[in-house]
Structures are given as C-alpha cells and as structure tokens.
C-alpha atoms as a PDB file:
ATOM      1  CA  MET A   1       0.000   0.000   0.000  1.00  0.00           C
ATOM      2  CA  ARG A   2       1.256   3.449  -0.811  1.00  0.00           C
ATOM      3  CA  ARG A   3       1.758   5.760   2.118  1.00  0.00           C
ATOM      4  CA  PRO A   4      -0.542   8.762   2.385  1.00  0.00           C
ATOM      5  CA  ASN A   5       0.743  12.201   1.433  1.00  0.00           C
ATOM      6  CA  LEU A   6      -0.023  14.119   4.617  1.00  0.00           C
ATOM      7  CA  ASP A   7      -0.397  17.415   2.718  1.00  0.00           C
ATOM      8  CA  GLU A   8      -3.107  15.997   0.431  1.00  0.00           C
ATOM      9  CA  ASP A   9      -4.559  12.868   1.990  1.00  0.00           C
ATOM     10  CA  VAL A  10      -5.858  14.162   5.318  1.00  0.00           C
ATOM     11  CA  GLN A  11      -9.307  15.706   5.088  1.00  0.00           C
ATOM     12  CA  PRO A  12     -12.106  16.576   7.496  1.00  0.00           C
ATOM     13  CA  VAL A  13     -15.241  14.435   7.312  1.00  0.00           C
ATOM     14  CA  SER A  14     -17.250  17.524   6.365  1.00  0.00           C
ATOM     15  CA  GLU A  15     -15.064  18.039   3.268  1.00  0.00           C
ATOM     16  CA  PHE A  16     -15.392  14.347   2.401  1.00  0.00           C
ATOM     17  CA  ARG A  17     -19.181  14.542   2.704  1.00  0.00           C
ATOM     18  CA  ALA A  18     -19.278  17.499   0.328  1.00  0.00           C
ATOM     19  CA  ASN A  19     -16.948  15.886  -2.231  1.00  0.00           C
ATOM     20  CA  ALA A  20     -17.199  12.125  -1.667  1.00  0.00           C
ATOM     21  CA  ALA A  21     -17.103  11.110  -5.343  1.00  0.00           C
ATOM     22  CA  LYS A  22     -14.001  13.230  -5.968  1.00  0.00           C
ATOM     23  CA  PHE A  23     -12.168  11.716  -3.001  1.00  0.00           C
ATOM     24  CA  VAL A  24     -13.149   8.153  -3.908  1.00  0.00           C
ATOM     25  CA  GLN A  25     -11.839   8.724  -7.440  1.00  0.00           C
ATOM     26  CA  ARG A  26      -8.575  10.163  -6.083  1.00  0.00           C
ATOM     27  CA  VAL A  27      -8.083   7.126  -3.809  1.00  0.00           C
ATOM     28  CA  ARG A  28      -8.671   4.817  -6.784  1.00  0.00           C
ATOM     29  CA  GLU A  29      -6.205   6.707  -8.980  1.00  0.00           C
ATOM     30  CA  THR A  30      -3.411   7.251  -6.454  1.00  0.00           C
ATOM     31  CA  ARG A  31      -3.874   3.997  -4.487  1.00  0.00           C
ATOM     32  CA  ARG A  32      -3.131   6.101  -1.395  1.00  0.00           C
ATOM     33  CA  PRO A  33      -5.532   5.984   1.558  1.00  0.00           C
ATOM     34  CA  LEU A  34      -7.496   9.054   2.578  1.00  0.00           C
ATOM     35  CA  LEU A  35      -7.363   9.852   6.294  1.00  0.00           C
ATOM     36  CA  LEU A  36     -10.527  11.477   7.581  1.00  0.00           C
ATOM     37  CA  THR A  37     -10.603  13.677  10.655  1.00  0.00           C
ATOM     38  CA  GLN A  38     -13.489  14.714  12.856  1.00  0.00           C
ATOM     39  CA  HIS A  39     -13.198  17.573  15.312  1.00  0.00           C
ATOM     40  CA  GLY A  40      -9.471  17.729  14.550  1.00  0.00           C
ATOM     41  CA  THR A  41      -8.667  14.104  15.377  1.00  0.00           C
ATOM     42  CA  SER A  42      -8.309  11.027  13.193  1.00  0.00           C
ATOM     43  CA  ALA A  43     -11.624   9.263  12.611  1.00  0.00           C
ATOM     44  CA  ALA A  44     -11.482   6.906   9.614  1.00  0.00           C
ATOM     45  CA  VAL A  45      -9.512   5.730   6.591  1.00  0.00           C
ATOM     46  CA  LEU A  46     -10.821   5.335   3.043  1.00  0.00           C
ATOM     47  CA  MET A  47      -8.831   2.782   1.029  1.00  0.00           C
ATOM     48  CA  ASP A  48      -8.852   1.396  -2.485  1.00  0.00           C
ATOM     49  CA  VAL A  49     -10.452  -2.069  -2.419  1.00  0.00           C
ATOM     50  CA  GLY A  50      -7.509  -3.730  -4.188  1.00  0.00           C
ATOM     51  CA  GLU A  51      -5.046  -2.200  -1.735  1.00  0.00           C
ATOM     52  CA  TYR A  52      -7.239  -3.315   1.160  1.00  0.00           C
ATOM     53  CA  GLU A  53      -7.268  -6.895  -0.146  1.00  0.00           C
ATOM     54  CA  LYS A  54      -3.455  -6.849  -0.530  1.00  0.00           C
ATOM     55  CA  MET A  55      -3.146  -5.609   3.039  1.00  0.00           C
ATOM     56  CA  LEU A  56      -5.372  -8.438   4.314  1.00  0.00           C
ATOM     57  CA  ASP A  57      -3.302 -10.990   2.355  1.00  0.00           C
ATOM     58  CA  SER A  58      -0.113  -9.597   3.899  1.00  0.00           C
ATOM     59  CA  ILE A  59      -1.576  -9.753   7.387  1.00  0.00           C
ATOM     60  CA  GLU A  60      -2.656 -13.368   6.855  1.00  0.00           C
ATOM     61  CA  LEU A  61       0.814 -14.306   5.603  1.00  0.00           C
ATOM     62  CA  LEU A  62       2.450 -12.652   8.613  1.00  0.00           C
ATOM     63  CA  ARG A  63       0.087 -14.463  10.989  1.00  0.00           C
ATOM     64  CA  ASP A  64       0.911 -17.769   9.308  1.00  0.00           C
ATOM     65  CA  ALA A  65       4.635 -17.051   9.593  1.00  0.00           C
ATOM     66  CA  ARG A  66       4.330 -16.074  13.244  1.00  0.00           C
ATOM     67  CA  GLY A  67       2.363 -19.245  13.979  1.00  0.00           C
ATOM     68  CA  ALA A  68       4.981 -21.331  12.183  1.00  0.00           C
ATOM     69  CA  GLU A  69       7.759 -19.718  14.207  1.00  0.00           C
ATOM     70  CA  ARG A  70       5.855 -20.401  17.413  1.00  0.00           C
ATOM     71  CA  ARG A  71       5.233 -24.048  16.487  1.00  0.00           C
ATOM     72  CA  THR A  72       8.852 -24.546  15.429  1.00  0.00           C
ATOM     73  CA  GLY A  73      10.062 -23.021  18.702  1.00  0.00           C
ATOM     74  CA  ALA A  74       7.809 -25.439  20.570  1.00  0.00           C
ATOM     75  CA  GLY A  75       9.244 -28.387  18.631  1.00  0.00           C
ATOM     76  CA  GLU A  76       6.030 -28.956  16.687  1.00  0.00           C
ATOM     77  CA  THR A  77       7.466 -29.657  13.263  1.00  0.00           C
ATOM     78  CA  ALA A  78       6.202 -31.873  10.436  1.00  0.00           C
ATOM     79  CA  GLU A  79       7.629 -33.424   7.309  1.00  0.00           C
ATOM     80  CA  HIS A  80       7.000 -31.471   4.110  1.00  0.00           C
ATOM     81  CA  GLY A  81       4.399 -33.906   2.738  1.00  0.00           C
ATOM     82  CA  GLU A  82       2.453 -33.912   5.998  1.00  0.00           C
ATOM     83  CA  ALA A  83       2.530 -30.120   6.229  1.00  0.00           C
ATOM     84  CA  THR A  84       1.348 -29.777   2.629  1.00  0.00           C
ATOM     85  CA  ALA A  85      -1.538 -32.195   3.259  1.00  0.00           C
ATOM     86  CA  ARG A  86      -2.591 -30.212   6.337  1.00  0.00           C
ATOM     87  CA  ARG A  87      -2.493 -26.937   4.403  1.00  0.00           C
ATOM     88  CA  LEU A  88      -4.554 -28.357   1.532  1.00  0.00           C
ATOM     89  CA  GLU A  89      -7.088 -29.745   3.991  1.00  0.00           C
ATOM     90  CA  LYS A  90      -7.328 -26.372   5.728  1.00  0.00           C
ATOM     91  CA  GLN A  91      -7.826 -24.556   2.401  1.00  0.00           C
ATOM     92  CA  SER A  92     -10.587 -26.932   1.322  1.00  0.00           C
ATOM     93  CA  GLY A  93     -12.439 -26.338   4.574  1.00  0.00           C
ATOM     94  CA  GLY A  94     -11.865 -29.844   5.894  1.00  0.00           C
END
C-alpha cells in the first residue's frame, strides 16, 4: 500500500461529505488511503479495495509465519508432505 501524502490525503469528514465522489476517485487513482478527521482528530480511513485486499493478504501471511515460528520453537514440526496435506485440507475447509 502506498503511504498517504499528509499534505493531500488528510481531510475533514465535512469536506469528504461534500466531495465524496471526488475523493473516492482520487483514492482509486493514487492507491493512497485518505485519512478522515473529525473535530481535529483522526476518525477513519478510506482505502482502495484492491489495496485493502493486498493488506489483508499480507496480514494473513504474517500471521501464518508467526504461527509457524511459534510451532517450530515449541518443537512442533512436520515433514513437508504432511505439512502440505494439512495446508490443503485447511484450504478446502476440511
């Protein structure tokens, strides 16, 4: 995800309400999130859907890696074939 440009990508909710379509289009084009403020404090973030999905994928990968590190540290290892079978079973919902 691209980092927000703090000079352009921080807007009050009132400005967003008045120009929502313009801001949504800008987020789509720049792929940068829009930070919304309310009463001078951060309130919400508007993100491009594709960037949001990439962020969720990254978080899931990091969680998997952290879990693997934890299991390895606890001596809970498996042979490659067994680990692959478990992963496929998990992906298929089984």
